[in-house]
Amino acid sequence: MPKLSVIIPCFNEEAVIMESYSHTARVLDNLPVETEIIYVNDGSSDNTYTLLNEIADKDRRVKVLHFSRNFGHQPAVSAGIHHCDADWAIIMDSDLQDPPELIPDILRLREQEQANVVYCVRTSREKESLFKRLSAKTFYRLINSMSEVKFPLDTGDFRLIDRKVMYEYSRLREQGKYIRGLVSWMGFRQAPFYYERKARFAGETKYPLKKMFKFATTALLYFSKKPLLVAMGLGFVAFVVGIILAIWFILGKIYGFSNAETGWTSIITVMVFFGGIQLLTIGVLGQYIGVLFDEIKGRPEYIVNEKRGFNNI
């Protein structure tokens, strides 16, 4: 019998985890395949650890990975994929914004399209702020315009992937993973599934502005070299402006239409302009060098402190 695994990363989700499990288990009970749930506890500091262990103790389908500390959402998803031996895996969050009730429809679409990947596209985002909706739309379109790989718009990590995709994913060695981008980069047959994203059942978002910015930066640095081209372009613009100003001041001195030696304002303006471009260029280069530094260190993406329910992995 084919096997389906549902991978659910968790971080401080004590307010929703039991309800999330109840919804997911009820859906899996009615599927004509073997099923399991892999929870990845991303170093939660609340009661998530205890609740997940209780769930695993009463349901043999449930497996739990406990991280040694908080490593982040993307490493938690990676851990779930690395520890999955199923034919298909569905990645979803524990806050019920990605409704487990959609799993049968996703499986049907996979069968109809014979797809290796079914990525879920948000047609609406219930009860999210205007800033969150606008920033998300802007981000997806910005990264799409700058990346060498085209990504589906308005998608998250909520998706189905098959065994072939999981195998190829396990071969990827970069530390800073942007999973939805990597799955698009792999290719294979991919099909969209459209849905309305619900509001959180309980608790608060684990992606505040600071984490959103870090996530966007990782996506940009790992999938695009265009920031380097922009920095080079700014350097060229600064060079051209410098040449024009030099010619202007020389001709002004010769023909008397410029008093360059008394132009304090112009000097300060030029210094600030060139200094700003230099700092911006150095900053962009520094970000890419920082990525190289992280990769060269070769540290593990995550550390598993404890496993529950795993027998042969």
Protein backbone atom coordinates (compact mmCIF):
# COMPACT_ATOMS: atom_id res chain seq x y z
CA MET A 1 0.00 0.00 0.00
CA PRO A 2 1.39 3.47 -0.86
CA LYS A 3 2.30 5.68 2.05
CA LEU A 4 1.60 9.36 2.73
CA SER A 5 3.48 11.43 5.29
CA VAL A 6 2.34 14.81 6.60
CA ILE A 7 5.31 16.93 7.72
CA ILE A 8 4.43 19.62 10.26
CA PRO A 9 7.08 21.98 11.72
CA CYS A 10 6.17 23.45 15.12
CA PHE A 11 7.53 26.32 17.19
CA ASN A 12 5.72 27.36 20.37
CA GLU A 13 2.36 26.04 19.15
CA GLU A 14 0.87 24.76 22.42
CA ALA A 15 -2.31 26.79 21.80
CA VAL A 16 -3.12 25.02 18.54
CA ILE A 17 -1.22 21.74 18.36
CA MET A 18 -3.95 19.48 19.79
CA GLU A 19 -6.62 20.96 17.52
CA SER A 20 -4.26 20.72 14.56
CA TYR A 21 -3.57 17.05 15.30
CA SER A 22 -7.29 16.34 15.68
CA HIS A 23 -8.09 17.85 12.27
CA THR A 24 -5.18 16.11 10.55
CA ALA A 25 -5.81 12.68 12.12
CA ARG A 26 -9.51 12.84 11.21
CA VAL A 27 -8.62 13.45 7.57
CA LEU A 28 -5.96 10.73 7.46
CA ASP A 29 -8.37 8.19 8.97
CA ASN A 30 -10.45 8.32 5.78
CA LEU A 31 -7.64 8.00 3.23
CA PRO A 32 -7.12 4.71 1.34
CA VAL A 33 -3.35 4.78 1.93
CA GLU A 34 -0.97 4.16 4.79
CA THR A 35 -0.40 7.43 6.66
CA GLU A 36 1.88 9.03 9.21
CA ILE A 37 2.48 12.45 10.72
CA ILE A 38 6.01 13.77 11.30
CA TYR A 39 6.09 16.66 13.75
CA VAL A 40 9.32 18.64 13.97
CA ASN A 41 9.61 20.56 17.24
CA ASP A 42 11.85 23.49 16.35
CA GLY A 43 13.19 24.14 19.86
CA SER A 44 9.89 25.29 21.37
CA SER A 45 10.10 26.92 24.80
CA ASP A 46 6.43 26.37 25.74
CA ASN A 47 4.53 23.11 26.33
CA THR A 48 4.79 21.94 22.70
CA TYR A 49 7.41 19.30 23.62
CA THR A 50 5.14 17.59 26.16
CA LEU A 51 2.04 17.75 23.98
CA LEU A 52 3.80 16.23 20.98
CA ASN A 53 5.11 13.38 23.09
CA GLU A 54 1.61 12.73 24.40
CA ILE A 55 0.26 12.60 20.86
CA ALA A 56 3.03 10.21 19.76
CA ASP A 57 2.36 7.93 22.74
CA LYS A 58 -1.31 7.49 21.86
CA ASP A 59 -1.07 7.40 18.04
CA ARG A 60 1.41 5.02 16.41
CA ARG A 61 1.21 6.98 13.16
CA VAL A 62 2.82 9.99 14.81
CA LYS A 63 6.59 10.55 14.78
CA VAL A 64 8.33 13.46 16.48
CA LEU A 65 11.71 15.10 16.01
CA HIS A 66 12.83 17.43 18.79
CA PHE A 67 15.57 19.91 17.86
CA SER A 68 18.30 20.82 20.35
CA ARG A 69 17.35 24.50 19.88
CA ASN A 70 15.43 26.76 17.51
CA PHE A 71 16.98 26.41 14.04
CA GLY A 72 14.15 27.91 12.01
CA HIS A 73 11.20 26.89 9.87
CA GLN A 74 13.15 25.85 6.76
CA PRO A 75 15.58 23.54 8.64
CA ALA A 76 12.55 22.01 10.40
CA VAL A 77 10.93 21.21 7.04
CA SER A 78 14.27 19.81 5.81
CA ALA A 79 14.46 17.50 8.83
CA GLY A 80 10.97 16.19 8.12
CA ILE A 81 11.88 15.45 4.50
CA HIS A 82 15.16 13.80 5.46
CA HIS A 83 13.40 11.50 7.94
CA CYS A 84 10.49 10.63 5.65
CA ASP A 85 10.31 7.22 3.94
CA ALA A 86 6.84 7.63 2.40
CA ASP A 87 5.84 7.68 -1.27
CA TRP A 88 4.45 11.20 -0.90
CA ALA A 89 4.83 13.95 1.67
CA ILE A 90 2.60 16.92 2.32
CA ILE A 91 4.28 19.88 4.02
CA MET A 92 1.99 22.09 6.06
CA ASP A 93 2.04 24.38 9.10
CA SER A 94 0.45 23.50 12.42
CA ASP A 95 -1.65 26.66 12.79
CA LEU A 96 -4.50 25.40 10.53
CA GLN A 97 -3.96 28.21 8.03
CA ASP A 98 -3.20 25.35 5.65
CA PRO A 99 -6.38 23.26 6.14
CA PRO A 100 -5.75 19.50 6.50
CA GLU A 101 -9.21 18.98 4.98
CA LEU A 102 -7.68 19.81 1.58
CA ILE A 103 -5.38 16.77 1.62
CA PRO A 104 -7.82 14.44 -0.27
CA ASP A 105 -8.28 17.06 -2.99
CA ILE A 106 -4.51 17.52 -3.31
CA LEU A 107 -4.05 13.75 -3.66
CA ARG A 108 -6.75 13.61 -6.34
CA LEU A 109 -5.09 16.41 -8.29
CA ARG A 110 -1.73 14.62 -8.05
CA GLU A 111 -3.33 11.49 -9.48
CA GLN A 112 -5.09 13.37 -12.29
CA GLU A 113 -1.99 15.33 -13.31
CA GLN A 114 0.51 12.54 -12.50
CA ALA A 115 2.48 15.34 -10.85
CA ASN A 116 5.66 15.05 -8.80
CA VAL A 117 4.77 18.28 -7.02
CA VAL A 118 1.44 19.89 -6.19
CA TYR A 119 2.05 23.43 -4.92
CA CYS A 120 -0.77 25.27 -3.18
CA VAL A 121 -1.54 28.79 -4.40
CA ARG A 122 -3.22 31.24 -2.02
CA THR A 123 -6.16 32.97 -3.67
CA SER A 124 -6.86 34.93 -0.46
CA ARG A 125 -5.29 35.44 2.98
CA GLU A 126 -7.97 35.64 5.66
CA LYS A 127 -7.55 38.21 8.46
CA GLU A 128 -4.01 39.19 7.49
CA SER A 129 -2.99 42.83 7.66
CA LEU A 130 -2.77 44.99 4.56
CA PHE A 131 0.97 45.33 5.13
CA LYS A 132 1.43 41.54 5.26
CA ARG A 133 -0.55 41.01 2.06
CA LEU A 134 1.21 43.79 0.16
CA SER A 135 4.69 42.78 1.38
CA ALA A 136 4.06 39.14 0.42
CA LYS A 137 2.87 40.07 -3.08
CA THR A 138 5.80 42.44 -3.53
CA PHE A 139 8.30 39.83 -2.35
CA TYR A 140 7.11 37.05 -4.66
CA ARG A 141 7.13 39.35 -7.67
CA LEU A 142 10.51 40.87 -6.79
CA ILE A 143 12.25 37.51 -6.33
CA ASN A 144 10.63 36.25 -9.54
CA SER A 145 11.91 39.22 -11.52
CA MET A 146 15.45 38.88 -10.15
CA SER A 147 15.85 35.12 -9.99
CA GLU A 148 17.24 32.91 -12.72
CA VAL A 149 14.46 30.41 -11.84
CA LYS A 150 10.77 31.33 -12.13
CA PHE A 151 8.71 30.57 -9.02
CA PRO A 152 4.93 30.22 -8.77
CA LEU A 153 3.43 33.40 -7.32
CA ASP A 154 1.63 33.53 -3.95
CA THR A 155 2.74 30.09 -2.77
CA GLY A 156 4.19 28.92 0.51
CA ASP A 157 5.67 25.63 1.66
CA PHE A 158 2.20 24.00 1.70
CA ARG A 159 2.63 21.38 -1.02
CA LEU A 160 2.83 17.72 -1.92
CA ILE A 161 6.12 16.22 -3.10
CA ASP A 162 6.77 12.66 -4.17
CA ARG A 163 9.60 10.24 -3.40
CA LYS A 164 11.65 11.35 -6.40
CA VAL A 165 11.61 14.99 -5.27
CA MET A 166 12.44 14.00 -1.69
CA TYR A 167 15.43 12.00 -2.90
CA GLU A 168 16.79 14.87 -4.97
CA TYR A 169 16.16 17.28 -2.11
CA SER A 170 18.27 15.12 0.21
CA ARG A 171 21.22 15.64 -2.16
CA LEU A 172 21.16 19.44 -1.76
CA ARG A 173 23.90 20.58 0.62
CA GLU A 174 23.47 24.34 0.99
CA GLN A 175 22.81 25.58 4.51
CA GLY A 176 20.45 28.48 3.77
CA LYS A 177 17.53 26.76 2.12
CA TYR A 178 14.59 28.49 0.45
CA ILE A 179 12.55 25.32 0.02
CA ARG A 180 9.78 26.54 -2.28
CA GLY A 181 12.50 27.94 -4.54
CA LEU A 182 14.54 24.74 -4.50
CA VAL A 183 11.51 22.62 -5.39
CA SER A 184 10.81 24.93 -8.35
CA TRP A 185 14.48 24.76 -9.35
CA MET A 186 14.36 20.94 -9.48
CA GLY A 187 11.79 20.94 -12.24
CA PHE A 188 9.76 17.70 -12.66
CA ARG A 189 6.03 17.82 -13.30
CA GLN A 190 4.37 20.42 -11.08
CA ALA A 191 0.69 21.31 -10.77
CA PRO A 192 -1.02 24.23 -8.96
CA PHE A 193 -3.78 23.76 -6.39
CA TYR A 194 -5.75 26.92 -5.52
CA TYR A 195 -7.16 27.49 -2.05
CA GLU A 196 -8.21 30.18 0.41
CA ARG A 197 -5.77 30.53 3.27
CA LYS A 198 -7.50 30.64 6.64
CA ALA A 199 -6.67 32.76 9.67
CA ARG A 200 -4.61 31.21 12.46
CA PHE A 201 -6.73 29.03 14.74
CA ALA A 202 -4.85 30.32 17.82
CA GLY A 203 -1.51 31.74 18.89
CA GLU A 204 0.52 34.32 17.02
CA THR A 205 2.56 34.35 13.83
CA LYS A 206 6.10 33.01 14.02
CA TYR A 207 7.19 35.24 11.15
CA PRO A 208 7.50 38.81 12.45
CA LEU A 209 8.98 41.52 10.23
CA LYS A 210 12.59 40.69 11.20
CA LYS A 211 12.23 37.00 10.24
CA MET A 212 10.36 37.90 7.06
CA PHE A 213 13.24 40.16 6.01
CA LYS A 214 15.81 37.45 6.76
CA PHE A 215 13.78 34.91 4.81
CA ALA A 216 13.51 37.26 1.82
CA THR A 217 17.25 37.99 1.96
CA THR A 218 18.08 34.27 1.92
CA ALA A 219 15.83 33.72 -1.09
CA LEU A 220 17.41 36.62 -2.96
CA LEU A 221 21.04 35.76 -2.20
CA TYR A 222 20.70 32.07 -3.00
CA PHE A 223 18.72 32.47 -6.22
CA SER A 224 19.93 35.69 -7.81
CA LYS A 225 23.18 37.43 -8.73
CA LYS A 226 21.36 40.57 -9.84
CA PRO A 227 22.18 42.52 -6.64
CA LEU A 228 25.83 42.25 -7.70
CA LEU A 229 24.92 43.59 -11.13
CA VAL A 230 23.00 46.45 -9.51
CA ALA A 231 26.03 47.27 -7.33
CA MET A 232 28.28 47.22 -10.40
CA GLY A 233 25.82 49.45 -12.24
CA LEU A 234 25.80 51.95 -9.39
CA GLY A 235 29.60 51.94 -9.44
CA PHE A 236 29.54 52.69 -13.16
CA VAL A 237 27.03 55.51 -12.63
CA ALA A 238 29.25 56.97 -9.91
CA PHE A 239 32.24 56.77 -12.25
CA VAL A 240 30.39 58.57 -15.06
CA VAL A 241 29.11 61.26 -12.68
CA GLY A 242 32.66 61.75 -11.39
CA ILE A 243 34.01 62.19 -14.93
CA ILE A 244 31.26 64.69 -15.79
CA LEU A 245 31.89 66.69 -12.61
CA ALA A 246 35.63 66.72 -13.25
CA ILE A 247 35.12 68.03 -16.80
CA TRP A 248 32.62 70.59 -15.51
CA PHE A 249 34.98 71.92 -12.86
CA ILE A 250 37.96 72.06 -15.26
CA LEU A 251 36.01 73.91 -17.94
CA GLY A 252 34.49 76.16 -15.28
CA LYS A 253 37.94 77.08 -14.04
CA ILE A 254 39.13 77.82 -17.57
CA TYR A 255 36.11 79.81 -18.73
CA GLY A 256 35.15 81.31 -15.37
CA PHE A 257 31.58 80.01 -15.02
CA SER A 258 32.29 77.93 -11.88
CA ASN A 259 33.88 78.71 -8.53
CA ALA A 260 34.73 75.16 -7.55
CA GLU A 261 37.08 76.19 -4.74
CA THR A 262 34.25 77.91 -2.87
CA GLY A 263 31.56 75.27 -3.54
CA TRP A 264 31.33 73.68 -0.10
CA THR A 265 27.84 72.37 -0.76
CA SER A 266 28.80 70.70 -4.03
CA ILE A 267 31.85 69.06 -2.45
CA ILE A 268 29.86 67.64 0.45
CA THR A 269 27.13 66.44 -1.92
CA VAL A 270 29.61 64.63 -4.13
CA MET A 271 31.35 63.05 -1.12
CA VAL A 272 28.08 61.80 0.32
CA PHE A 273 26.98 60.47 -3.08
CA PHE A 274 30.16 58.54 -3.79
CA GLY A 275 30.50 57.40 -0.18
CA GLY A 276 26.95 56.06 -0.16
CA ILE A 277 27.45 54.10 -3.37
CA GLN A 278 30.71 52.61 -2.05
CA LEU A 279 29.10 51.52 1.20
CA LEU A 280 26.10 50.07 -0.64
CA THR A 281 28.36 48.10 -2.98
CA ILE A 282 30.51 46.83 -0.11
CA GLY A 283 27.36 45.83 1.77
CA VAL A 284 26.04 43.78 -1.16
CA LEU A 285 29.40 42.06 -1.57
CA GLY A 286 29.52 41.45 2.18
CA GLN A 287 26.17 39.65 2.08
CA TYR A 288 27.36 37.26 -0.61
CA ILE A 289 30.66 36.72 1.21
CA GLY A 290 28.68 35.98 4.38
CA VAL A 291 26.72 33.30 2.50
CA LEU A 292 30.00 31.75 1.31
CA PHE A 293 31.35 31.84 4.87
CA ASP A 294 28.30 29.99 6.21
CA GLU A 295 28.56 27.36 3.48
CA ILE A 296 32.30 26.81 3.93
CA LYS A 297 31.92 26.14 7.66
CA GLY A 298 29.92 23.05 6.78
CA ARG A 299 27.88 22.97 9.98
CA PRO A 300 24.78 20.75 10.03
CA GLU A 301 21.53 22.42 9.05
CA TYR A 302 19.93 21.28 12.31
CA ILE A 303 20.60 19.04 15.32
CA VAL A 304 18.04 16.48 16.49
CA ASN A 305 18.06 16.06 20.25
CA GLU A 306 15.37 13.39 20.53
CA LYS A 307 13.21 11.16 18.32
CA ARG A 308 9.82 9.62 19.09
CA GLY A 309 8.17 6.91 17.00
CA PHE A 310 11.10 6.27 14.64
CA ASN A 311 12.20 2.66 14.42
CA ASN A 312 14.41 2.34 11.37
CA ILE A 313 15.59 5.89 10.52
